[in-house]
Amino acid sequence: MSSESIESTLESILEGYKVAFSEKTFPDESSDEDDLMLVFGLTQDAKSENRQYWGRELGKCWEYIVIEICRHKREDFGSRIKKGQGEFCDLTIGKIAIDTKYRIGSGDAGTLREFESNGKELIGMGYKPVMLILRKDNLSSAISACQRGGWTIKTDDETYEYIKEIADFDLKSWLKAKKNCYNPSDIETT
């Protein structure tokens, strides 16, 4: 094979990827600030500086908040259901398996298969899987994978309404009342 033929083939490969990349859209987090961000005085600009860090940390905070509300308000509260090194869900309320997410932004095929598989396995164990997502700017393919797995998806205001329904706690109003109360920039360092 001549070097001209190889180069032509390689250029075709690169051109194909160029077209594919130009057609690919990555849903960016909306510029909307959510109630949990506002508790800490975080702006979307500040969060954008290290999106992975803030997404992970706000996600854990969201998880702990929902768990503690349910632990204190529900007699039928149960802890997370483990799955090997991971978990199927963060908590149970009777036969409802609840997983909390700050936002679902991963379109990774393995992650999507896991969402779908976990939902199906929870149903097989006799649970109704429910995912409580704080933000509304989620990746549609991830939401679809969860729904294929049998998850009931609640986002944004639906999530707050669901928490109020199952735990008789108005989390949305409570978080709004805490706006800027835990701003990290208020900590004095000496």
N, C-alpha and C. Protein backbone atom coordinates (compact mmCIF):
# COMPACT_ATOMS: atom_id res chain seq x y z
N MET A 1 0.85 -1.17 0.00
CA MET A 1 0.00 0.00 0.00
C MET A 1 0.89 1.24 0.00
N SER A 2 0.60 2.16 -0.86
CA SER A 2 1.42 3.36 -0.97
C SER A 2 1.13 4.30 0.20
N SER A 3 2.12 5.16 0.49
CA SER A 3 1.92 6.11 1.59
C SER A 3 0.81 7.09 1.26
N GLU A 4 0.61 7.38 -0.03
CA GLU A 4 -0.48 8.27 -0.43
C GLU A 4 -1.82 7.62 -0.12
N SER A 5 -1.94 6.33 -0.33
CA SER A 5 -3.16 5.58 -0.06
C SER A 5 -3.44 5.53 1.45
N ILE A 6 -2.40 5.32 2.24
CA ILE A 6 -2.54 5.29 3.70
C ILE A 6 -3.01 6.66 4.19
N GLU A 7 -2.37 7.71 3.70
CA GLU A 7 -2.73 9.06 4.13
C GLU A 7 -4.17 9.39 3.74
N SER A 8 -4.58 8.95 2.58
CA SER A 8 -5.95 9.19 2.14
C SER A 8 -6.94 8.47 3.05
N THR A 9 -6.61 7.23 3.41
CA THR A 9 -7.47 6.46 4.31
C THR A 9 -7.53 7.11 5.69
N LEU A 10 -6.38 7.53 6.19
CA LEU A 10 -6.34 8.19 7.50
C LEU A 10 -7.11 9.50 7.49
N GLU A 11 -7.01 10.24 6.40
CA GLU A 11 -7.74 11.50 6.28
C GLU A 11 -9.25 11.25 6.23
N SER A 12 -9.65 10.15 5.61
CA SER A 12 -11.08 9.79 5.58
C SER A 12 -11.59 9.50 6.98
N ILE A 13 -10.75 8.81 7.75
CA ILE A 13 -11.12 8.51 9.14
C ILE A 13 -11.29 9.82 9.92
N LEU A 14 -10.30 10.69 9.79
CA LEU A 14 -10.36 11.96 10.51
C LEU A 14 -11.55 12.80 10.06
N GLU A 15 -11.84 12.82 8.76
CA GLU A 15 -12.97 13.58 8.24
C GLU A 15 -14.28 13.03 8.79
N GLY A 16 -14.40 11.70 8.87
CA GLY A 16 -15.60 11.08 9.44
C GLY A 16 -15.82 11.48 10.89
N TYR A 17 -14.73 11.50 11.66
CA TYR A 17 -14.85 11.91 13.06
C TYR A 17 -15.15 13.40 13.17
N LYS A 18 -14.58 14.19 12.28
CA LYS A 18 -14.86 15.63 12.28
C LYS A 18 -16.36 15.87 12.12
N VAL A 19 -16.97 15.17 11.18
CA VAL A 19 -18.41 15.30 10.95
C VAL A 19 -19.18 14.84 12.19
N ALA A 20 -18.78 13.68 12.74
CA ALA A 20 -19.47 13.16 13.92
C ALA A 20 -19.35 14.12 15.11
N PHE A 21 -18.15 14.67 15.31
CA PHE A 21 -17.94 15.60 16.41
C PHE A 21 -18.75 16.88 16.21
N SER A 22 -18.87 17.33 14.98
CA SER A 22 -19.61 18.57 14.74
C SER A 22 -21.10 18.38 14.99
N GLU A 23 -21.58 17.15 14.85
CA GLU A 23 -23.00 16.88 15.08
C GLU A 23 -23.32 16.54 16.52
N LYS A 24 -22.30 16.30 17.32
CA LYS A 24 -22.48 15.90 18.71
C LYS A 24 -22.77 17.12 19.56
N THR A 25 -23.81 17.02 20.35
CA THR A 25 -24.11 18.10 21.29
C THR A 25 -23.96 17.56 22.70
N PHE A 26 -23.39 18.35 23.54
CA PHE A 26 -23.22 17.99 24.94
C PHE A 26 -24.10 18.91 25.75
N PRO A 27 -25.16 18.38 26.35
CA PRO A 27 -26.03 19.26 27.12
C PRO A 27 -25.25 19.82 28.31
N ASP A 28 -25.13 21.11 28.32
CA ASP A 28 -24.43 21.77 29.41
C ASP A 28 -25.42 21.99 30.54
N GLU A 29 -24.90 22.04 31.74
CA GLU A 29 -25.78 22.38 32.84
C GLU A 29 -26.38 23.73 32.53
N SER A 30 -27.63 23.86 32.85
CA SER A 30 -28.27 25.15 32.60
C SER A 30 -27.63 26.20 33.50
N SER A 31 -27.91 27.43 33.19
CA SER A 31 -27.37 28.50 34.01
C SER A 31 -28.21 28.70 35.27
N ASP A 32 -29.26 27.89 35.40
CA ASP A 32 -30.11 28.00 36.58
C ASP A 32 -29.36 27.59 37.84
N GLU A 33 -29.54 28.37 38.85
CA GLU A 33 -29.00 28.01 40.16
C GLU A 33 -30.11 27.29 40.91
N ASP A 34 -29.75 26.24 41.60
CA ASP A 34 -30.76 25.48 42.34
C ASP A 34 -30.72 25.87 43.81
N ASP A 35 -31.74 25.43 44.53
CA ASP A 35 -31.88 25.81 45.94
C ASP A 35 -30.69 25.38 46.79
N LEU A 36 -30.12 24.21 46.51
CA LEU A 36 -28.98 23.75 47.30
C LEU A 36 -27.75 24.61 47.04
N MET A 37 -27.51 24.98 45.80
CA MET A 37 -26.39 25.89 45.50
C MET A 37 -26.55 27.19 46.27
N LEU A 38 -27.76 27.70 46.29
CA LEU A 38 -28.01 29.00 46.91
C LEU A 38 -27.82 28.97 48.43
N VAL A 39 -28.04 27.82 49.04
CA VAL A 39 -27.78 27.69 50.48
C VAL A 39 -26.32 28.03 50.76
N PHE A 40 -25.44 27.62 49.85
CA PHE A 40 -24.01 27.84 50.03
C PHE A 40 -23.51 29.10 49.32
N GLY A 41 -24.44 29.86 48.74
CA GLY A 41 -24.05 31.08 48.05
C GLY A 41 -23.27 30.82 46.77
N LEU A 42 -23.43 29.64 46.19
CA LEU A 42 -22.71 29.30 44.96
C LEU A 42 -23.43 29.86 43.74
N THR A 43 -22.66 30.43 42.84
CA THR A 43 -23.20 30.87 41.57
C THR A 43 -22.86 29.81 40.52
N GLN A 44 -23.54 29.87 39.40
CA GLN A 44 -23.23 28.93 38.33
C GLN A 44 -21.80 29.15 37.83
N ASP A 45 -21.35 30.40 37.81
CA ASP A 45 -19.98 30.69 37.38
C ASP A 45 -18.95 30.04 38.30
N ALA A 46 -19.16 30.15 39.59
CA ALA A 46 -18.23 29.54 40.55
C ALA A 46 -18.26 28.03 40.43
N LYS A 47 -19.44 27.48 40.24
CA LYS A 47 -19.58 26.03 40.11
C LYS A 47 -18.92 25.53 38.83
N SER A 48 -18.97 26.34 37.77
CA SER A 48 -18.40 25.95 36.48
C SER A 48 -16.88 25.83 36.53
N GLU A 49 -16.25 26.49 37.48
CA GLU A 49 -14.79 26.41 37.60
C GLU A 49 -14.33 25.00 37.91
N ASN A 50 -15.15 24.25 38.64
CA ASN A 50 -14.82 22.85 38.91
C ASN A 50 -16.13 22.08 39.02
N ARG A 51 -16.78 21.88 37.89
CA ARG A 51 -18.11 21.27 37.82
C ARG A 51 -18.13 19.87 38.45
N GLN A 52 -17.11 19.07 38.19
CA GLN A 52 -17.08 17.71 38.72
C GLN A 52 -17.06 17.71 40.26
N TYR A 53 -16.22 18.56 40.84
CA TYR A 53 -16.14 18.65 42.29
C TYR A 53 -17.49 19.06 42.88
N TRP A 54 -18.05 20.17 42.37
CA TRP A 54 -19.30 20.67 42.94
C TRP A 54 -20.45 19.69 42.71
N GLY A 55 -20.49 19.06 41.56
CA GLY A 55 -21.54 18.08 41.31
C GLY A 55 -21.48 16.92 42.29
N ARG A 56 -20.27 16.43 42.54
CA ARG A 56 -20.08 15.32 43.47
C ARG A 56 -20.45 15.74 44.90
N GLU A 57 -19.93 16.88 45.33
CA GLU A 57 -20.16 17.33 46.70
C GLU A 57 -21.62 17.71 46.96
N LEU A 58 -22.21 18.45 46.02
CA LEU A 58 -23.63 18.79 46.18
C LEU A 58 -24.50 17.55 46.12
N GLY A 59 -24.08 16.57 45.31
CA GLY A 59 -24.80 15.30 45.24
C GLY A 59 -24.79 14.55 46.56
N LYS A 60 -23.65 14.50 47.22
CA LYS A 60 -23.57 13.83 48.53
C LYS A 60 -24.39 14.59 49.57
N CYS A 61 -24.31 15.91 49.54
CA CYS A 61 -25.10 16.73 50.47
C CYS A 61 -26.59 16.45 50.26
N TRP A 62 -27.03 16.44 49.00
CA TRP A 62 -28.43 16.15 48.67
C TRP A 62 -28.83 14.78 49.19
N GLU A 63 -27.99 13.79 48.97
CA GLU A 63 -28.25 12.42 49.45
C GLU A 63 -28.45 12.42 50.97
N TYR A 64 -27.53 13.03 51.70
CA TYR A 64 -27.62 13.04 53.17
C TYR A 64 -28.88 13.75 53.66
N ILE A 65 -29.23 14.84 53.01
CA ILE A 65 -30.43 15.60 53.40
C ILE A 65 -31.67 14.73 53.25
N VAL A 66 -31.83 14.09 52.08
CA VAL A 66 -33.02 13.26 51.84
C VAL A 66 -33.05 12.08 52.81
N ILE A 67 -31.91 11.44 53.02
CA ILE A 67 -31.85 10.30 53.95
C ILE A 67 -32.29 10.73 55.34
N GLU A 68 -31.77 11.84 55.82
CA GLU A 68 -32.09 12.26 57.20
C GLU A 68 -33.55 12.69 57.35
N ILE A 69 -34.11 13.32 56.34
CA ILE A 69 -35.53 13.67 56.40
C ILE A 69 -36.35 12.39 56.55
N CYS A 70 -36.06 11.41 55.70
CA CYS A 70 -36.83 10.16 55.74
C CYS A 70 -36.56 9.36 57.02
N ARG A 71 -35.32 9.38 57.49
CA ARG A 71 -34.99 8.66 58.73
C ARG A 71 -35.79 9.23 59.92
N HIS A 72 -35.94 10.54 59.95
CA HIS A 72 -36.64 11.17 61.07
C HIS A 72 -38.16 11.20 60.92
N LYS A 73 -38.65 11.08 59.69
CA LYS A 73 -40.08 11.23 59.47
C LYS A 73 -40.81 9.92 59.18
N ARG A 74 -40.09 8.84 58.90
CA ARG A 74 -40.74 7.60 58.50
C ARG A 74 -40.35 6.45 59.41
N GLU A 75 -41.34 5.78 59.95
CA GLU A 75 -41.07 4.61 60.78
C GLU A 75 -40.58 3.44 59.95
N ASP A 76 -40.96 3.41 58.68
CA ASP A 76 -40.57 2.31 57.80
C ASP A 76 -39.30 2.63 57.00
N PHE A 77 -38.49 3.56 57.52
CA PHE A 77 -37.22 3.91 56.89
C PHE A 77 -36.28 2.72 56.92
N GLY A 78 -35.59 2.50 55.82
CA GLY A 78 -34.55 1.48 55.75
C GLY A 78 -33.33 2.06 55.07
N SER A 79 -32.19 1.55 55.43
CA SER A 79 -30.96 2.08 54.84
C SER A 79 -30.77 1.55 53.42
N ARG A 80 -29.69 1.97 52.82
CA ARG A 80 -29.39 1.62 51.43
C ARG A 80 -29.34 0.11 51.21
N ILE A 81 -29.61 -0.29 49.99
CA ILE A 81 -29.50 -1.69 49.61
C ILE A 81 -28.18 -1.84 48.87
N LYS A 82 -27.29 -2.65 49.42
CA LYS A 82 -25.95 -2.83 48.86
C LYS A 82 -25.98 -3.76 47.64
N LYS A 83 -25.02 -3.52 46.76
CA LYS A 83 -24.84 -4.35 45.57
C LYS A 83 -23.33 -4.51 45.39
N GLY A 84 -22.77 -5.59 45.84
CA GLY A 84 -21.33 -5.77 45.74
C GLY A 84 -20.61 -4.62 46.42
N GLN A 85 -19.76 -3.94 45.68
CA GLN A 85 -19.03 -2.78 46.21
C GLN A 85 -19.88 -1.51 46.16
N GLY A 86 -20.97 -1.54 45.41
CA GLY A 86 -21.80 -0.35 45.25
C GLY A 86 -23.12 -0.50 45.97
N GLU A 87 -24.13 0.10 45.39
CA GLU A 87 -25.45 0.06 46.00
C GLU A 87 -26.51 0.21 44.92
N PHE A 88 -27.67 -0.33 45.20
CA PHE A 88 -28.81 -0.19 44.31
C PHE A 88 -29.52 1.14 44.53
N CYS A 89 -29.57 1.56 45.79
CA CYS A 89 -30.30 2.78 46.14
C CYS A 89 -29.77 3.32 47.45
N ASP A 90 -30.15 4.56 47.77
CA ASP A 90 -29.65 5.22 48.97
C ASP A 90 -30.46 4.91 50.23
N LEU A 91 -31.74 4.60 50.05
CA LEU A 91 -32.60 4.33 51.19
C LEU A 91 -33.86 3.62 50.73
N THR A 92 -34.59 3.08 51.68
CA THR A 92 -35.89 2.51 51.39
C THR A 92 -36.92 3.08 52.35
N ILE A 93 -38.14 3.16 51.85
CA ILE A 93 -39.31 3.52 52.65
C ILE A 93 -40.28 2.38 52.39
N GLY A 94 -40.38 1.47 53.33
CA GLY A 94 -41.19 0.29 53.07
C GLY A 94 -40.65 -0.43 51.86
N LYS A 95 -41.48 -0.60 50.85
CA LYS A 95 -41.05 -1.28 49.62
C LYS A 95 -40.73 -0.30 48.49
N ILE A 96 -40.45 0.95 48.85
CA ILE A 96 -40.01 1.94 47.87
C ILE A 96 -38.49 2.08 48.03
N ALA A 97 -37.77 1.84 46.94
CA ALA A 97 -36.31 2.00 46.93
C ALA A 97 -36.00 3.36 46.31
N ILE A 98 -35.38 4.24 47.09
CA ILE A 98 -35.13 5.61 46.64
C ILE A 98 -33.64 5.81 46.42
N ASP A 99 -33.33 6.32 45.23
CA ASP A 99 -31.96 6.73 44.93
C ASP A 99 -32.00 8.23 44.70
N THR A 100 -31.03 8.94 45.24
CA THR A 100 -30.99 10.39 45.10
C THR A 100 -29.88 10.77 44.13
N LYS A 101 -30.15 11.76 43.33
CA LYS A 101 -29.15 12.29 42.41
C LYS A 101 -29.28 13.81 42.40
N TYR A 102 -28.17 14.48 42.42
CA TYR A 102 -28.18 15.93 42.27
C TYR A 102 -28.55 16.27 40.83
N ARG A 103 -27.91 15.58 39.91
CA ARG A 103 -28.13 15.74 38.48
C ARG A 103 -27.58 14.50 37.79
N ILE A 104 -28.21 14.08 36.71
CA ILE A 104 -27.65 12.98 35.92
C ILE A 104 -27.14 13.57 34.62
N GLY A 105 -25.82 13.55 34.47
CA GLY A 105 -25.22 14.14 33.29
C GLY A 105 -24.35 13.18 32.50
N SER A 106 -24.22 11.94 32.97
CA SER A 106 -23.34 11.00 32.29
C SER A 106 -24.10 10.20 31.24
N GLY A 107 -23.53 10.19 30.04
CA GLY A 107 -24.09 9.37 28.97
C GLY A 107 -23.24 8.15 28.73
N ASP A 108 -22.33 7.86 29.66
CA ASP A 108 -21.47 6.69 29.57
C ASP A 108 -22.32 5.42 29.48
N ALA A 109 -22.04 4.58 28.50
CA ALA A 109 -22.85 3.39 28.26
C ALA A 109 -22.91 2.48 29.49
N GLY A 110 -21.79 2.33 30.19
CA GLY A 110 -21.77 1.48 31.38
C GLY A 110 -22.67 2.03 32.49
N THR A 111 -22.64 3.35 32.66
CA THR A 111 -23.48 4.00 33.67
C THR A 111 -24.95 3.81 33.32
N LEU A 112 -25.28 4.00 32.05
CA LEU A 112 -26.68 3.86 31.62
C LEU A 112 -27.17 2.43 31.81
N ARG A 113 -26.32 1.45 31.48
CA ARG A 113 -26.70 0.04 31.69
C ARG A 113 -26.92 -0.25 33.17
N GLU A 114 -26.08 0.34 34.01
CA GLU A 114 -26.21 0.13 35.45
C GLU A 114 -27.52 0.71 36.00
N PHE A 115 -27.87 1.92 35.56
CA PHE A 115 -29.15 2.51 35.98
C PHE A 115 -30.30 1.57 35.61
N GLU A 116 -30.29 1.12 34.37
CA GLU A 116 -31.36 0.25 33.88
C GLU A 116 -31.38 -1.08 34.64
N SER A 117 -30.23 -1.68 34.80
CA SER A 117 -30.12 -2.96 35.50
C SER A 117 -30.54 -2.86 36.97
N ASN A 118 -30.09 -1.81 37.65
CA ASN A 118 -30.43 -1.65 39.06
C ASN A 118 -31.94 -1.54 39.26
N GLY A 119 -32.60 -0.79 38.38
CA GLY A 119 -34.05 -0.67 38.48
C GLY A 119 -34.73 -2.01 38.33
N LYS A 120 -34.31 -2.76 37.33
CA LYS A 120 -34.92 -4.07 37.09
C LYS A 120 -34.66 -5.03 38.25
N GLU A 121 -33.46 -4.99 38.79
CA GLU A 121 -33.14 -5.86 39.93
C GLU A 121 -33.95 -5.48 41.17
N LEU A 122 -34.11 -4.20 41.41
CA LEU A 122 -34.93 -3.76 42.56
C LEU A 122 -36.37 -4.22 42.40
N ILE A 123 -36.91 -4.11 41.20
CA ILE A 123 -38.26 -4.60 40.94
C ILE A 123 -38.33 -6.09 41.21
N GLY A 124 -37.32 -6.83 40.77
CA GLY A 124 -37.24 -8.27 41.02
C GLY A 124 -37.21 -8.62 42.50
N MET A 125 -36.70 -7.70 43.32
CA MET A 125 -36.66 -7.91 44.78
C MET A 125 -37.94 -7.43 45.45
N GLY A 126 -38.89 -6.95 44.65
CA GLY A 126 -40.17 -6.52 45.21
C GLY A 126 -40.26 -5.05 45.57
N TYR A 127 -39.30 -4.26 45.11
CA TYR A 127 -39.29 -2.82 45.41
C TYR A 127 -39.81 -2.02 44.23
N LYS A 128 -40.31 -0.83 44.53
CA LYS A 128 -40.65 0.16 43.51
C LYS A 128 -39.50 1.17 43.49
N PRO A 129 -38.69 1.20 42.42
CA PRO A 129 -37.56 2.13 42.39
C PRO A 129 -37.99 3.55 42.02
N VAL A 130 -37.55 4.51 42.84
CA VAL A 130 -37.86 5.92 42.62
C VAL A 130 -36.54 6.69 42.68
N MET A 131 -36.32 7.54 41.68
CA MET A 131 -35.12 8.36 41.66
C MET A 131 -35.53 9.81 41.90
N LEU A 132 -34.95 10.41 42.94
CA LEU A 132 -35.23 11.80 43.30
C LEU A 132 -34.05 12.66 42.86
N ILE A 133 -34.25 13.44 41.80
CA ILE A 133 -33.19 14.25 41.21
C ILE A 133 -33.51 15.72 41.50
N LEU A 134 -32.56 16.42 42.08
CA LEU A 134 -32.79 17.81 42.45
C LEU A 134 -32.92 18.72 41.23
N ARG A 135 -31.99 18.59 40.28
CA ARG A 135 -31.98 19.52 39.14
C ARG A 135 -32.85 19.00 38.00
N LYS A 136 -33.21 19.93 37.11
CA LYS A 136 -34.04 19.55 35.98
C LYS A 136 -33.25 19.42 34.68
N ASP A 137 -31.98 19.81 34.67
CA ASP A 137 -31.16 19.80 33.45
C ASP A 137 -30.36 18.50 33.34
N ASN A 138 -31.09 17.40 33.21
CA ASN A 138 -30.48 16.07 33.16
C ASN A 138 -30.33 15.60 31.72
N LEU A 139 -29.41 14.69 31.51
CA LEU A 139 -29.19 14.10 30.20
C LEU A 139 -30.36 13.20 29.86
N SER A 140 -31.01 13.46 28.74
CA SER A 140 -32.23 12.72 28.39
C SER A 140 -31.97 11.22 28.20
N SER A 141 -30.80 10.85 27.67
CA SER A 141 -30.51 9.42 27.49
C SER A 141 -30.38 8.71 28.84
N ALA A 142 -29.89 9.40 29.85
CA ALA A 142 -29.79 8.80 31.18
C ALA A 142 -31.17 8.64 31.80
N ILE A 143 -32.02 9.63 31.63
CA ILE A 143 -33.40 9.53 32.13
C ILE A 143 -34.11 8.37 31.44
N SER A 144 -33.93 8.24 30.13
CA SER A 144 -34.55 7.15 29.38
C SER A 144 -34.06 5.79 29.87
N ALA A 145 -32.77 5.66 30.13
CA ALA A 145 -32.22 4.39 30.63
C ALA A 145 -32.83 4.04 31.98
N CYS A 146 -32.98 5.04 32.84
CA CYS A 146 -33.61 4.80 34.15
C CYS A 146 -35.05 4.34 33.97
N GLN A 147 -35.77 5.00 33.09
CA GLN A 147 -37.17 4.64 32.86
C GLN A 147 -37.28 3.24 32.27
N ARG A 148 -36.38 2.87 31.37
CA ARG A 148 -36.37 1.50 30.82
C ARG A 148 -36.17 0.48 31.93
N GLY A 149 -35.43 0.88 32.95
CA GLY A 149 -35.18 -0.01 34.08
C GLY A 149 -36.32 -0.04 35.09
N GLY A 150 -37.34 0.76 34.87
CA GLY A 150 -38.50 0.75 35.76
C GLY A 150 -38.49 1.82 36.83
N TRP A 151 -37.51 2.73 36.79
CA TRP A 151 -37.45 3.80 37.77
C TRP A 151 -38.57 4.80 37.53
N THR A 152 -39.19 5.25 38.60
CA THR A 152 -40.06 6.43 38.56
C THR A 152 -39.13 7.61 38.78
N ILE A 153 -39.15 8.55 37.86
CA ILE A 153 -38.22 9.69 37.91
C ILE A 153 -38.96 10.93 38.39
N LYS A 154 -38.37 11.57 39.39
CA LYS A 154 -38.87 12.85 39.89
C LYS A 154 -37.72 13.85 39.78
N THR A 155 -38.00 15.01 39.18
CA THR A 155 -36.97 16.04 39.07
C THR A 155 -37.53 17.37 39.57
N ASP A 156 -36.63 18.21 40.05
CA ASP A 156 -36.95 19.59 40.40
C ASP A 156 -38.17 19.65 41.34
N ASP A 157 -39.21 20.38 40.97
CA ASP A 157 -40.37 20.55 41.84
C ASP A 157 -41.08 19.22 42.14
N GLU A 158 -41.08 18.29 41.18
CA GLU A 158 -41.68 16.97 41.43
C GLU A 158 -40.97 16.26 42.58
N THR A 159 -39.66 16.45 42.67
CA THR A 159 -38.88 15.84 43.76
C THR A 159 -39.30 16.42 45.10
N TYR A 160 -39.40 17.74 45.16
CA TYR A 160 -39.84 18.38 46.41
C TYR A 160 -41.25 17.93 46.80
N GLU A 161 -42.13 17.84 45.83
CA GLU A 161 -43.51 17.41 46.10
C GLU A 161 -43.53 15.97 46.62
N TYR A 162 -42.69 15.12 46.04
CA TYR A 162 -42.64 13.72 46.47
C TYR A 162 -42.13 13.62 47.91
N ILE A 163 -41.10 14.38 48.23
CA ILE A 163 -40.56 14.38 49.61
C ILE A 163 -41.63 14.87 50.58
N LYS A 164 -42.35 15.90 50.20
CA LYS A 164 -43.42 16.42 51.06
C LYS A 164 -44.51 15.36 51.26
N GLU A 165 -44.81 14.64 50.18
CA GLU A 165 -45.84 13.60 50.24
C GLU A 165 -45.42 12.43 51.14
N ILE A 166 -44.20 11.96 51.00
CA ILE A 166 -43.80 10.77 51.76
C ILE A 166 -43.28 11.08 53.16
N ALA A 167 -42.82 12.32 53.37
CA ALA A 167 -42.19 12.63 54.67
C ALA A 167 -42.81 13.83 55.37
N ASP A 168 -43.82 14.43 54.78
CA ASP A 168 -44.48 15.58 55.38
C ASP A 168 -43.48 16.66 55.79
N PHE A 169 -42.57 16.97 54.84
CA PHE A 169 -41.55 17.99 55.11
C PHE A 169 -41.40 18.84 53.85
N ASP A 170 -41.56 20.15 54.00
CA ASP A 170 -41.46 21.07 52.87
C ASP A 170 -40.00 21.48 52.69
N LEU A 171 -39.24 20.62 52.02
CA LEU A 171 -37.81 20.84 51.85
C LEU A 171 -37.53 22.07 50.99
N LYS A 172 -38.33 22.31 49.99
CA LYS A 172 -38.10 23.47 49.12
C LYS A 172 -38.14 24.77 49.93
N SER A 173 -39.18 24.94 50.74
CA SER A 173 -39.28 26.16 51.56
C SER A 173 -38.15 26.22 52.57
N TRP A 174 -37.81 25.09 53.15
CA TRP A 174 -36.74 25.06 54.15
C TRP A 174 -35.41 25.48 53.52
N LEU A 175 -35.09 24.94 52.34
CA LEU A 175 -33.84 25.32 51.67
C LEU A 175 -33.86 26.80 51.28
N LYS A 176 -34.98 27.27 50.77
CA LYS A 176 -35.08 28.68 50.39
C LYS A 176 -34.83 29.60 51.59
N ALA A 177 -35.30 29.19 52.75
CA ALA A 177 -35.08 29.98 53.97
C ALA A 177 -33.61 29.96 54.41
N LYS A 178 -32.85 29.00 53.91
CA LYS A 178 -31.43 28.88 54.27
C LYS A 178 -30.50 29.52 53.25
N LYS A 179 -31.06 30.25 52.27
CA LYS A 179 -30.26 30.86 51.22
C LYS A 179 -29.13 31.69 51.83
N ASN A 180 -27.91 31.41 51.39
CA ASN A 180 -26.68 32.09 51.82
C ASN A 180 -26.33 31.89 53.29
N CYS A 181 -27.04 31.04 53.98
CA CYS A 181 -26.74 30.82 55.40
C CYS A 181 -25.44 30.02 55.62
N TYR A 182 -25.02 29.29 54.62
CA TYR A 182 -23.83 28.45 54.77
C TYR A 182 -22.78 28.79 53.72
N ASN A 183 -22.64 30.06 53.45
CA ASN A 183 -21.71 30.53 52.43
C ASN A 183 -20.28 30.30 52.90
N PRO A 184 -19.51 29.46 52.17
CA PRO A 184 -18.13 29.19 52.60
C PRO A 184 -17.26 30.43 52.67
N SER A 185 -17.59 31.47 51.92
CA SER A 185 -16.75 32.69 51.95
C SER A 185 -16.92 33.46 53.26
N ASP A 186 -17.92 33.07 54.06
CA ASP A 186 -18.12 33.72 55.36
C ASP A 186 -17.20 33.17 56.45
N ILE A 187 -16.49 32.10 56.14
CA ILE A 187 -15.59 31.49 57.12
C ILE A 187 -14.32 32.33 57.21
N GLU A 188 -14.01 32.74 58.42
CA GLU A 188 -12.80 33.52 58.62
C GLU A 188 -11.62 32.58 58.75
N THR A 189 -10.59 32.89 58.01
CA THR A 189 -9.35 32.10 58.12
C THR A 189 -8.29 32.96 58.75
N THR A 190 -7.56 32.37 59.67
CA THR A 190 -6.51 33.13 60.35
C THR A 190 -5.19 32.46 60.21
